[in-house]
Amino acid sequence: MPSAAVRDITYDEGTEILEVTFVPTGKRYAYRRVPLEVYDAFRLAFSKGTFFNLHIRDAYDFELVGE
């Protein structure tokens, strides 16, 4: 489902790194130690922006990895 906030998400199961690219800025952030279950729920969420704000944004360490 298209999102107004999230352009793309990728996940590496081996490292548990979730990368999220945002629509307004095009910036890509890597979130560390995100469980597979959280990624799966994020991927399937009707509202990616709401899910991100409630379950990821303040829950995991992150860094900017691209613009």
Protein backbone atom coordinates (compact mmCIF):
# COMPACT_ATOMS: atom_id res chain seq x y z
CA MET A 1 0.00 0.00 0.00
CA PRO A 2 1.39 3.44 -0.89
CA SER A 3 2.25 5.73 1.99
CA ALA A 4 2.37 9.50 2.25
CA ALA A 5 5.20 9.28 4.79
CA VAL A 6 7.29 6.21 3.96
CA ARG A 7 8.75 5.70 0.50
CA ASP A 8 10.57 2.41 1.07
CA ILE A 9 11.51 -0.08 3.77
CA THR A 10 14.13 -2.82 3.69
CA TYR A 11 15.18 -5.30 6.33
CA ASP A 12 18.24 -7.46 6.87
CA GLU A 13 17.25 -10.42 9.02
CA GLY A 14 20.87 -11.33 9.79
CA THR A 15 21.74 -7.95 11.29
CA GLU A 16 18.20 -6.94 12.33
CA ILE A 17 18.64 -3.59 10.60
CA LEU A 18 15.54 -1.89 9.27
CA GLU A 19 16.09 0.88 6.73
CA VAL A 20 13.33 3.40 6.18
CA THR A 21 13.28 6.03 3.43
CA PHE A 22 10.89 8.90 3.99
CA VAL A 23 8.78 10.58 1.30
CA PRO A 24 9.05 14.27 2.23
CA THR A 25 12.85 14.39 2.54
CA GLY A 26 14.15 11.29 0.74
CA LYS A 27 16.36 10.65 3.79
CA ARG A 28 17.11 7.03 4.70
CA TYR A 29 17.63 5.92 8.27
CA ALA A 30 18.86 2.59 9.64
CA TYR A 31 17.21 1.31 12.82
CA ARG A 32 19.20 -1.27 14.80
CA ARG A 33 18.05 -4.47 16.52
CA VAL A 34 14.54 -4.42 15.10
CA PRO A 35 12.92 -7.85 15.50
CA LEU A 36 11.60 -9.59 12.39
CA GLU A 37 8.09 -9.50 13.87
CA VAL A 38 8.18 -5.69 14.03
CA TYR A 39 9.37 -5.47 10.42
CA ASP A 40 6.62 -7.85 9.27
CA ALA A 41 3.96 -5.85 11.11
CA PHE A 42 5.36 -2.59 9.67
CA ARG A 43 5.34 -4.00 6.16
CA LEU A 44 1.71 -5.10 6.51
CA ALA A 45 0.44 -2.01 8.37
CA PHE A 46 -2.34 -0.06 6.67
CA SER A 47 -0.74 3.23 7.75
CA LYS A 48 3.05 3.02 7.59
CA GLY A 49 3.47 6.48 9.12
CA THR A 50 1.26 5.70 12.11
CA PHE A 51 2.94 2.34 12.70
CA PHE A 52 6.38 3.92 12.45
CA ASN A 53 5.48 6.67 14.95
CA LEU A 54 3.94 4.26 17.45
CA HIS A 55 6.32 1.30 17.27
CA ILE A 56 9.68 2.28 15.76
CA ARG A 57 10.56 5.98 15.97
CA ASP A 58 11.35 6.19 19.69
CA ALA A 59 11.99 2.48 20.30
CA TYR A 60 15.24 1.79 18.41
CA ASP A 61 18.66 3.35 17.95
CA PHE A 62 19.11 4.81 14.48
CA GLU A 63 21.45 6.68 12.18
CA LEU A 64 21.10 8.60 8.93
CA VAL A 65 22.53 6.47 6.11
CA GLY A 66 21.52 8.31 2.96
CA GLU A 67 19.79 11.28 1.39
